[in-house]
Amino acid sequence: MNLEAVFASPGLRLPIDAAVGLGEDDAPFWGEARVCGEVRNNSGVVSIALSFATVLRFDCDRCAEPVLKDFRGEFTQTLVRSLSGEETSEYLVLPDAQLDLDALVREEMYLQLPPKLLCAEDCKGLCPGCGANLNSGCCTCKQTVDPRLSALLPLLKDNEETP
């Protein structure tokens, strides 16, 4: 997208309402991302403020069940034509005033992904013994105590007997 006019005209606002196509290489994002916002020149400072909405398709990190979940976010970025001095990540440098909106939105979506993708915050995961999904119910395997922690079992029994 060409932002030459925005850089040249203080007070100019350029609305953005677009769809960013997401391919197979963009996992876990699925379908397309809907993007809304604006590019604005506020007294010579050009900034972009966007919100996005898409769908995540992933396998839960705890129970491995397939999940489709809505994913929304927003971000702002200051745009400059050049920097006089050190490089910084505070500004997005556009020497030719050309903005690759798709690449910017994809990058921001990846940065806003949570560190663990879960089907639900209270996901119980899989039984370490038999591999059963504990969200579906209790497993039938005998729960074993880690041998490294077996010395602590008497403390738990003493605690249960004390009112």
N, C-alpha and C. Protein backbone atom coordinates (compact mmCIF):
# COMPACT_ATOMS: atom_id res chain seq x y z
N MET A 1 0.84 -1.16 0.00
CA MET A 1 0.00 0.00 0.00
C MET A 1 0.89 1.23 0.00
N ASN A 2 0.58 2.17 -0.85
CA ASN A 2 1.38 3.38 -1.02
C ASN A 2 0.91 4.44 -0.02
N LEU A 3 1.83 4.89 0.84
CA LEU A 3 1.50 5.87 1.87
C LEU A 3 2.15 7.23 1.62
N GLU A 4 2.59 7.47 0.39
CA GLU A 4 3.24 8.73 0.03
C GLU A 4 2.37 9.94 0.40
N ALA A 5 1.08 9.88 0.08
CA ALA A 5 0.18 11.00 0.35
C ALA A 5 0.02 11.23 1.86
N VAL A 6 0.00 10.17 2.63
CA VAL A 6 -0.15 10.30 4.08
C VAL A 6 1.08 10.97 4.68
N PHE A 7 2.28 10.56 4.24
CA PHE A 7 3.51 11.18 4.74
C PHE A 7 3.57 12.66 4.37
N ALA A 8 3.02 13.03 3.23
CA ALA A 8 3.12 14.40 2.74
C ALA A 8 2.02 15.33 3.27
N SER A 9 1.00 14.80 3.91
CA SER A 9 -0.15 15.63 4.28
C SER A 9 -0.50 15.50 5.77
N PRO A 10 -0.01 16.41 6.61
CA PRO A 10 -0.40 16.38 8.02
C PRO A 10 -1.92 16.47 8.17
N GLY A 11 -2.47 15.66 9.06
CA GLY A 11 -3.91 15.63 9.29
C GLY A 11 -4.64 14.61 8.45
N LEU A 12 -3.99 14.02 7.46
CA LEU A 12 -4.66 13.06 6.58
C LEU A 12 -4.83 11.72 7.30
N ARG A 13 -5.98 11.12 7.10
CA ARG A 13 -6.30 9.79 7.63
C ARG A 13 -6.68 8.89 6.47
N LEU A 14 -6.14 7.69 6.49
CA LEU A 14 -6.45 6.71 5.46
C LEU A 14 -7.08 5.49 6.15
N PRO A 15 -8.39 5.28 5.98
CA PRO A 15 -9.02 4.13 6.63
C PRO A 15 -8.60 2.82 5.97
N ILE A 16 -8.55 1.78 6.77
CA ILE A 16 -8.20 0.45 6.28
C ILE A 16 -9.28 -0.52 6.70
N ASP A 17 -9.81 -1.25 5.74
CA ASP A 17 -10.77 -2.33 5.98
C ASP A 17 -10.43 -3.38 4.93
N ALA A 18 -9.71 -4.41 5.36
CA ALA A 18 -9.18 -5.36 4.38
C ALA A 18 -9.21 -6.78 4.94
N ALA A 19 -9.01 -7.72 4.04
CA ALA A 19 -8.87 -9.13 4.40
C ALA A 19 -7.45 -9.55 4.04
N VAL A 20 -6.78 -10.18 4.99
CA VAL A 20 -5.44 -10.70 4.75
C VAL A 20 -5.58 -12.20 4.58
N GLY A 21 -5.24 -12.70 3.39
CA GLY A 21 -5.33 -14.13 3.14
C GLY A 21 -4.24 -14.88 3.88
N LEU A 22 -4.63 -16.00 4.46
CA LEU A 22 -3.69 -16.83 5.20
C LEU A 22 -3.62 -18.20 4.55
N GLY A 23 -2.42 -18.64 4.24
CA GLY A 23 -2.24 -19.93 3.58
C GLY A 23 -1.82 -21.01 4.55
N GLU A 24 -1.49 -22.17 4.01
CA GLU A 24 -1.07 -23.30 4.83
C GLU A 24 0.21 -23.01 5.60
N ASP A 25 1.06 -22.15 5.07
CA ASP A 25 2.31 -21.81 5.75
C ASP A 25 2.08 -20.90 6.95
N ASP A 26 0.88 -20.38 7.10
CA ASP A 26 0.58 -19.44 8.19
C ASP A 26 -0.07 -20.13 9.39
N ALA A 27 0.14 -21.43 9.57
CA ALA A 27 -0.43 -22.14 10.71
C ALA A 27 0.07 -21.47 11.98
N PRO A 28 -0.74 -21.35 12.99
CA PRO A 28 -2.07 -21.93 13.22
C PRO A 28 -3.22 -21.06 12.74
N PHE A 29 -2.94 -19.99 12.00
CA PHE A 29 -4.02 -19.14 11.51
C PHE A 29 -4.71 -19.82 10.35
N TRP A 30 -6.03 -19.62 10.26
CA TRP A 30 -6.81 -20.36 9.29
C TRP A 30 -7.78 -19.43 8.59
N GLY A 31 -7.92 -19.60 7.30
CA GLY A 31 -8.86 -18.79 6.52
C GLY A 31 -8.27 -17.45 6.15
N GLU A 32 -8.85 -16.40 6.68
CA GLU A 32 -8.34 -15.06 6.44
C GLU A 32 -8.46 -14.24 7.72
N ALA A 33 -7.70 -13.18 7.77
CA ALA A 33 -7.78 -12.26 8.90
C ALA A 33 -8.50 -11.00 8.43
N ARG A 34 -9.47 -10.57 9.18
CA ARG A 34 -10.17 -9.32 8.89
C ARG A 34 -9.44 -8.21 9.62
N VAL A 35 -9.06 -7.16 8.91
CA VAL A 35 -8.25 -6.07 9.46
C VAL A 35 -8.98 -4.76 9.29
N CYS A 36 -9.09 -3.98 10.38
CA CYS A 36 -9.72 -2.66 10.34
C CYS A 36 -8.86 -1.67 11.11
N GLY A 37 -8.86 -0.44 10.66
CA GLY A 37 -8.11 0.60 11.36
C GLY A 37 -7.83 1.76 10.44
N GLU A 38 -6.71 2.45 10.72
CA GLU A 38 -6.36 3.60 9.89
C GLU A 38 -4.88 3.91 9.98
N VAL A 39 -4.41 4.59 8.93
CA VAL A 39 -3.09 5.21 8.93
C VAL A 39 -3.37 6.70 9.07
N ARG A 40 -2.63 7.36 9.97
CA ARG A 40 -2.91 8.76 10.27
C ARG A 40 -1.62 9.56 10.37
N ASN A 41 -1.66 10.75 9.78
CA ASN A 41 -0.56 11.70 9.92
C ASN A 41 -1.02 12.75 10.93
N ASN A 42 -0.48 12.67 12.12
CA ASN A 42 -0.86 13.59 13.18
C ASN A 42 0.29 14.58 13.40
N SER A 43 0.21 15.74 12.78
CA SER A 43 1.24 16.78 12.85
C SER A 43 2.61 16.26 12.42
N GLY A 44 2.63 15.49 11.38
CA GLY A 44 3.90 14.99 10.84
C GLY A 44 4.33 13.64 11.38
N VAL A 45 3.64 13.12 12.40
CA VAL A 45 3.95 11.78 12.94
C VAL A 45 2.95 10.81 12.33
N VAL A 46 3.45 9.89 11.52
CA VAL A 46 2.58 8.94 10.84
C VAL A 46 2.51 7.66 11.67
N SER A 47 1.30 7.20 11.93
CA SER A 47 1.13 5.97 12.69
C SER A 47 0.03 5.13 12.06
N ILE A 48 0.08 3.84 12.37
CA ILE A 48 -0.96 2.92 11.91
C ILE A 48 -1.53 2.26 13.16
N ALA A 49 -2.84 2.19 13.23
CA ALA A 49 -3.54 1.53 14.33
C ALA A 49 -4.51 0.53 13.70
N LEU A 50 -4.34 -0.74 14.02
CA LEU A 50 -5.15 -1.78 13.40
C LEU A 50 -5.68 -2.75 14.44
N SER A 51 -6.83 -3.33 14.15
CA SER A 51 -7.33 -4.47 14.91
C SER A 51 -7.54 -5.60 13.90
N PHE A 52 -7.39 -6.82 14.38
CA PHE A 52 -7.55 -7.97 13.49
C PHE A 52 -8.40 -9.03 14.18
N ALA A 53 -9.01 -9.86 13.37
CA ALA A 53 -9.80 -10.99 13.85
C ALA A 53 -9.61 -12.14 12.87
N THR A 54 -9.34 -13.31 13.41
CA THR A 54 -9.16 -14.49 12.57
C THR A 54 -9.54 -15.72 13.40
N VAL A 55 -9.30 -16.88 12.86
CA VAL A 55 -9.57 -18.14 13.55
C VAL A 55 -8.26 -18.92 13.65
N LEU A 56 -8.04 -19.50 14.82
CA LEU A 56 -6.88 -20.37 15.02
C LEU A 56 -7.34 -21.81 14.86
N ARG A 57 -6.54 -22.61 14.19
CA ARG A 57 -6.79 -24.05 14.09
C ARG A 57 -5.52 -24.73 14.57
N PHE A 58 -5.63 -25.48 15.68
CA PHE A 58 -4.45 -26.09 16.28
C PHE A 58 -4.85 -27.31 17.11
N ASP A 59 -3.86 -28.06 17.51
CA ASP A 59 -4.05 -29.16 18.46
C ASP A 59 -3.65 -28.64 19.82
N CYS A 60 -4.50 -28.85 20.82
CA CYS A 60 -4.26 -28.36 22.17
C CYS A 60 -2.91 -28.87 22.68
N ASP A 61 -2.15 -27.98 23.30
CA ASP A 61 -0.83 -28.36 23.81
C ASP A 61 -0.89 -29.31 25.00
N ARG A 62 -2.03 -29.45 25.65
CA ARG A 62 -2.15 -30.36 26.79
C ARG A 62 -2.85 -31.67 26.46
N CYS A 63 -3.95 -31.59 25.72
CA CYS A 63 -4.72 -32.82 25.48
C CYS A 63 -4.67 -33.30 24.03
N ALA A 64 -4.07 -32.52 23.15
CA ALA A 64 -3.87 -32.87 21.73
C ALA A 64 -5.17 -32.95 20.93
N GLU A 65 -6.27 -32.43 21.46
CA GLU A 65 -7.54 -32.40 20.71
C GLU A 65 -7.49 -31.27 19.69
N PRO A 66 -8.08 -31.48 18.50
CA PRO A 66 -8.14 -30.39 17.50
C PRO A 66 -9.09 -29.28 17.97
N VAL A 67 -8.69 -28.04 17.73
CA VAL A 67 -9.44 -26.89 18.23
C VAL A 67 -9.56 -25.83 17.14
N LEU A 68 -10.74 -25.20 17.05
CA LEU A 68 -10.96 -23.97 16.28
C LEU A 68 -11.34 -22.91 17.29
N LYS A 69 -10.61 -21.78 17.29
CA LYS A 69 -10.86 -20.73 18.29
C LYS A 69 -10.70 -19.36 17.66
N ASP A 70 -11.60 -18.45 17.99
CA ASP A 70 -11.49 -17.06 17.52
C ASP A 70 -10.26 -16.41 18.15
N PHE A 71 -9.58 -15.57 17.37
CA PHE A 71 -8.38 -14.89 17.84
C PHE A 71 -8.47 -13.44 17.39
N ARG A 72 -8.38 -12.53 18.34
CA ARG A 72 -8.48 -11.09 18.04
C ARG A 72 -7.33 -10.36 18.70
N GLY A 73 -6.97 -9.24 18.11
CA GLY A 73 -5.91 -8.41 18.68
C GLY A 73 -5.89 -7.05 18.03
N GLU A 74 -5.05 -6.20 18.58
CA GLU A 74 -4.87 -4.87 18.00
C GLU A 74 -3.45 -4.42 18.26
N PHE A 75 -3.01 -3.45 17.46
CA PHE A 75 -1.66 -2.92 17.62
C PHE A 75 -1.55 -1.56 16.97
N THR A 76 -0.55 -0.82 17.37
CA THR A 76 -0.21 0.45 16.74
C THR A 76 1.28 0.45 16.44
N GLN A 77 1.65 1.17 15.42
CA GLN A 77 3.05 1.24 15.01
C GLN A 77 3.30 2.63 14.43
N THR A 78 4.43 3.22 14.78
CA THR A 78 4.82 4.50 14.20
C THR A 78 5.62 4.24 12.93
N LEU A 79 5.28 4.94 11.86
CA LEU A 79 5.91 4.75 10.56
C LEU A 79 6.83 5.94 10.27
N VAL A 80 8.03 5.66 9.78
CA VAL A 80 8.97 6.72 9.40
C VAL A 80 9.57 6.40 8.04
N ARG A 81 10.02 7.43 7.36
CA ARG A 81 10.68 7.24 6.06
C ARG A 81 12.14 6.85 6.25
N SER A 82 12.78 7.38 7.31
CA SER A 82 14.19 7.05 7.58
C SER A 82 14.49 7.34 9.05
N LEU A 83 15.59 6.78 9.51
CA LEU A 83 16.07 7.02 10.88
C LEU A 83 17.41 7.74 10.80
N SER A 84 17.59 8.69 11.67
CA SER A 84 18.90 9.34 11.72
C SER A 84 19.57 8.91 13.03
N GLY A 85 20.29 7.83 12.95
CA GLY A 85 20.95 7.29 14.14
C GLY A 85 20.82 5.79 14.18
N GLU A 86 20.70 5.26 15.39
CA GLU A 86 20.66 3.81 15.57
C GLU A 86 19.35 3.21 15.08
N GLU A 87 19.44 1.95 14.79
CA GLU A 87 18.25 1.20 14.43
C GLU A 87 17.46 0.91 15.70
N THR A 88 16.15 0.95 15.61
CA THR A 88 15.29 0.66 16.75
C THR A 88 14.05 -0.06 16.27
N SER A 89 13.47 -0.85 17.14
CA SER A 89 12.25 -1.57 16.76
C SER A 89 11.00 -0.75 17.09
N GLU A 90 11.18 0.46 17.61
CA GLU A 90 10.04 1.32 17.93
C GLU A 90 9.37 1.88 16.68
N TYR A 91 10.10 1.90 15.58
CA TYR A 91 9.58 2.50 14.35
C TYR A 91 9.64 1.49 13.22
N LEU A 92 8.68 1.59 12.33
CA LEU A 92 8.69 0.79 11.11
C LEU A 92 9.18 1.71 10.01
N VAL A 93 10.35 1.40 9.45
CA VAL A 93 10.98 2.25 8.45
C VAL A 93 10.47 1.87 7.06
N LEU A 94 9.91 2.88 6.37
CA LEU A 94 9.39 2.71 5.01
C LEU A 94 10.06 3.73 4.09
N PRO A 95 11.28 3.45 3.61
CA PRO A 95 12.00 4.45 2.81
C PRO A 95 11.27 4.85 1.53
N ASP A 96 10.51 3.92 0.94
CA ASP A 96 9.80 4.23 -0.30
C ASP A 96 8.30 4.47 -0.06
N ALA A 97 7.89 4.59 1.21
CA ALA A 97 6.50 4.84 1.61
C ALA A 97 5.56 3.70 1.21
N GLN A 98 6.10 2.52 0.98
CA GLN A 98 5.30 1.35 0.62
C GLN A 98 5.17 0.44 1.85
N LEU A 99 3.96 0.11 2.22
CA LEU A 99 3.70 -0.75 3.37
C LEU A 99 3.13 -2.07 2.90
N ASP A 100 3.76 -3.16 3.30
CA ASP A 100 3.23 -4.49 3.02
C ASP A 100 2.30 -4.85 4.18
N LEU A 101 1.02 -4.54 4.01
CA LEU A 101 0.04 -4.72 5.07
C LEU A 101 -0.07 -6.19 5.48
N ASP A 102 -0.07 -7.10 4.51
CA ASP A 102 -0.18 -8.53 4.83
C ASP A 102 0.96 -8.98 5.74
N ALA A 103 2.19 -8.61 5.40
CA ALA A 103 3.34 -9.03 6.21
C ALA A 103 3.30 -8.42 7.61
N LEU A 104 2.89 -7.16 7.71
CA LEU A 104 2.81 -6.50 9.01
C LEU A 104 1.77 -7.18 9.89
N VAL A 105 0.60 -7.47 9.35
CA VAL A 105 -0.46 -8.10 10.13
C VAL A 105 -0.05 -9.51 10.55
N ARG A 106 0.53 -10.28 9.64
CA ARG A 106 0.98 -11.63 10.00
C ARG A 106 1.99 -11.59 11.14
N GLU A 107 2.97 -10.70 11.04
CA GLU A 107 3.99 -10.58 12.08
C GLU A 107 3.37 -10.25 13.43
N GLU A 108 2.46 -9.29 13.46
CA GLU A 108 1.81 -8.91 14.71
C GLU A 108 0.95 -10.04 15.27
N MET A 109 0.29 -10.80 14.41
CA MET A 109 -0.51 -11.92 14.89
C MET A 109 0.38 -12.97 15.55
N TYR A 110 1.53 -13.28 14.93
CA TYR A 110 2.45 -14.25 15.54
C TYR A 110 2.98 -13.73 16.88
N LEU A 111 3.27 -12.44 16.96
CA LEU A 111 3.78 -11.88 18.21
C LEU A 111 2.75 -11.91 19.32
N GLN A 112 1.47 -11.89 18.99
CA GLN A 112 0.42 -11.88 20.00
C GLN A 112 -0.13 -13.25 20.35
N LEU A 113 0.39 -14.29 19.70
CA LEU A 113 -0.05 -15.64 20.05
C LEU A 113 0.36 -15.96 21.49
N PRO A 114 -0.50 -16.65 22.23
CA PRO A 114 -0.10 -17.06 23.58
C PRO A 114 0.99 -18.13 23.50
N PRO A 115 1.81 -18.25 24.55
CA PRO A 115 2.91 -19.24 24.51
C PRO A 115 2.41 -20.68 24.44
N LYS A 116 1.24 -20.96 25.02
CA LYS A 116 0.64 -22.29 24.92
C LYS A 116 -0.75 -22.14 24.31
N LEU A 117 -1.03 -22.95 23.32
CA LEU A 117 -2.35 -22.95 22.68
C LEU A 117 -3.18 -24.05 23.32
N LEU A 118 -4.20 -23.65 24.08
CA LEU A 118 -5.01 -24.60 24.83
C LEU A 118 -6.45 -24.57 24.36
N CYS A 119 -7.13 -25.71 24.47
CA CYS A 119 -8.55 -25.78 24.12
C CYS A 119 -9.37 -24.99 25.14
N ALA A 120 -8.94 -24.98 26.40
CA ALA A 120 -9.58 -24.23 27.48
C ALA A 120 -8.52 -23.99 28.55
N GLU A 121 -8.68 -22.90 29.30
CA GLU A 121 -7.70 -22.58 30.34
C GLU A 121 -7.60 -23.69 31.39
N ASP A 122 -8.70 -24.39 31.65
CA ASP A 122 -8.69 -25.44 32.66
C ASP A 122 -8.52 -26.84 32.06
N CYS A 123 -7.92 -26.94 30.90
CA CYS A 123 -7.68 -28.23 30.25
C CYS A 123 -6.84 -29.10 31.18
N LYS A 124 -7.29 -30.34 31.40
CA LYS A 124 -6.61 -31.26 32.31
C LYS A 124 -5.51 -32.07 31.63
N GLY A 125 -5.49 -32.09 30.32
CA GLY A 125 -4.43 -32.78 29.60
C GLY A 125 -4.66 -34.28 29.51
N LEU A 126 -3.55 -35.00 29.36
CA LEU A 126 -3.57 -36.45 29.20
C LEU A 126 -3.01 -37.13 30.43
N CYS A 127 -3.52 -38.32 30.72
CA CYS A 127 -2.99 -39.11 31.83
C CYS A 127 -1.56 -39.53 31.47
N PRO A 128 -0.61 -39.31 32.37
CA PRO A 128 0.77 -39.71 32.06
C PRO A 128 0.96 -41.22 32.00
N GLY A 129 0.02 -41.97 32.59
CA GLY A 129 0.14 -43.43 32.59
C GLY A 129 -0.42 -44.08 31.35
N CYS A 130 -1.69 -43.77 31.05
CA CYS A 130 -2.36 -44.46 29.94
C CYS A 130 -2.62 -43.57 28.73
N GLY A 131 -2.49 -42.25 28.89
CA GLY A 131 -2.69 -41.34 27.77
C GLY A 131 -4.13 -40.95 27.54
N ALA A 132 -5.04 -41.29 28.47
CA ALA A 132 -6.45 -40.93 28.32
C ALA A 132 -6.63 -39.41 28.47
N ASN A 133 -7.59 -38.88 27.73
CA ASN A 133 -7.90 -37.45 27.84
C ASN A 133 -8.66 -37.23 29.14
N LEU A 134 -8.06 -36.53 30.10
CA LEU A 134 -8.66 -36.32 31.41
C LEU A 134 -9.82 -35.33 31.38
N ASN A 135 -10.02 -34.61 30.27
CA ASN A 135 -11.18 -33.74 30.12
C ASN A 135 -12.45 -34.55 29.91
N SER A 136 -12.31 -35.78 29.41
CA SER A 136 -13.46 -36.64 29.13
C SER A 136 -13.87 -37.47 30.34
N GLY A 137 -13.08 -37.48 31.38
CA GLY A 137 -13.37 -38.27 32.58
C GLY A 137 -12.08 -38.82 33.15
N CYS A 138 -12.24 -39.57 34.22
CA CYS A 138 -11.06 -40.16 34.87
C CYS A 138 -10.58 -41.36 34.07
N CYS A 139 -9.31 -41.63 34.18
CA CYS A 139 -8.77 -42.79 33.48
C CYS A 139 -8.89 -44.02 34.39
N THR A 140 -8.67 -45.19 33.83
CA THR A 140 -8.83 -46.44 34.59
C THR A 140 -7.50 -47.00 35.06
N CYS A 141 -6.42 -46.34 34.73
CA CYS A 141 -5.12 -46.87 35.15
C CYS A 141 -4.86 -46.52 36.61
N LYS A 142 -4.03 -47.31 37.24
CA LYS A 142 -3.69 -47.09 38.65
C LYS A 142 -2.70 -45.93 38.73
N GLN A 143 -3.05 -44.94 39.54
CA GLN A 143 -2.16 -43.79 39.70
C GLN A 143 -0.94 -44.22 40.51
N THR A 144 0.22 -43.98 39.96
CA THR A 144 1.46 -44.32 40.67
C THR A 144 2.12 -43.05 41.14
N VAL A 145 2.86 -43.18 42.21
CA VAL A 145 3.58 -42.05 42.78
C VAL A 145 4.99 -42.07 42.22
N ASP A 146 5.46 -40.92 41.84
CA ASP A 146 6.83 -40.78 41.37
C ASP A 146 7.75 -41.23 42.50
N PRO A 147 8.65 -42.19 42.24
CA PRO A 147 9.51 -42.72 43.31
C PRO A 147 10.34 -41.63 43.99
N ARG A 148 10.63 -40.57 43.29
CA ARG A 148 11.42 -39.49 43.89
C ARG A 148 10.62 -38.75 44.95
N LEU A 149 9.29 -38.85 44.89
CA LEU A 149 8.43 -38.15 45.84
C LEU A 149 7.82 -39.08 46.89
N SER A 150 8.11 -40.37 46.83
CA SER A 150 7.47 -41.33 47.73
C SER A 150 7.80 -41.05 49.20
N ALA A 151 8.92 -40.44 49.50
CA ALA A 151 9.27 -40.12 50.89
C ALA A 151 8.33 -39.07 51.48
N LEU A 152 7.61 -38.35 50.66
CA LEU A 152 6.67 -37.33 51.15
C LEU A 152 5.28 -37.87 51.45
N LEU A 153 4.98 -39.11 51.04
CA LEU A 153 3.65 -39.68 51.26
C LEU A 153 3.24 -39.70 52.74
N PRO A 154 4.12 -40.07 53.68
CA PRO A 154 3.70 -40.03 55.09
C PRO A 154 3.25 -38.65 55.54
N LEU A 155 3.82 -37.61 55.00
CA LEU A 155 3.40 -36.25 55.36
C LEU A 155 1.96 -35.99 54.92
N LEU A 156 1.58 -36.48 53.74
CA LEU A 156 0.22 -36.31 53.27
C LEU A 156 -0.76 -37.08 54.14
N LYS A 157 -0.40 -38.29 54.55
CA LYS A 157 -1.29 -39.10 55.41
C LYS A 157 -1.46 -38.45 56.77
N ASP A 158 -0.39 -37.90 57.35
CA ASP A 158 -0.48 -37.20 58.64
C ASP A 158 -1.39 -36.00 58.53
N ASN A 159 -1.32 -35.30 57.41
CA ASN A 159 -2.13 -34.10 57.19
C ASN A 159 -3.61 -34.43 57.09
N GLU A 160 -3.96 -35.60 56.51
CA GLU A 160 -5.34 -35.99 56.36
C GLU A 160 -5.98 -36.34 57.69
N GLU A 161 -5.18 -36.89 58.62
CA GLU A 161 -5.71 -37.31 59.92
C GLU A 161 -5.89 -36.13 60.87
N THR A 162 -5.15 -35.05 60.70
CA THR A 162 -5.23 -33.89 61.59
C THR A 162 -6.41 -33.03 61.18
N PRO A 163 -7.32 -32.68 62.17
CA PRO A 163 -8.49 -31.85 61.80
C PRO A 163 -8.13 -30.42 61.56
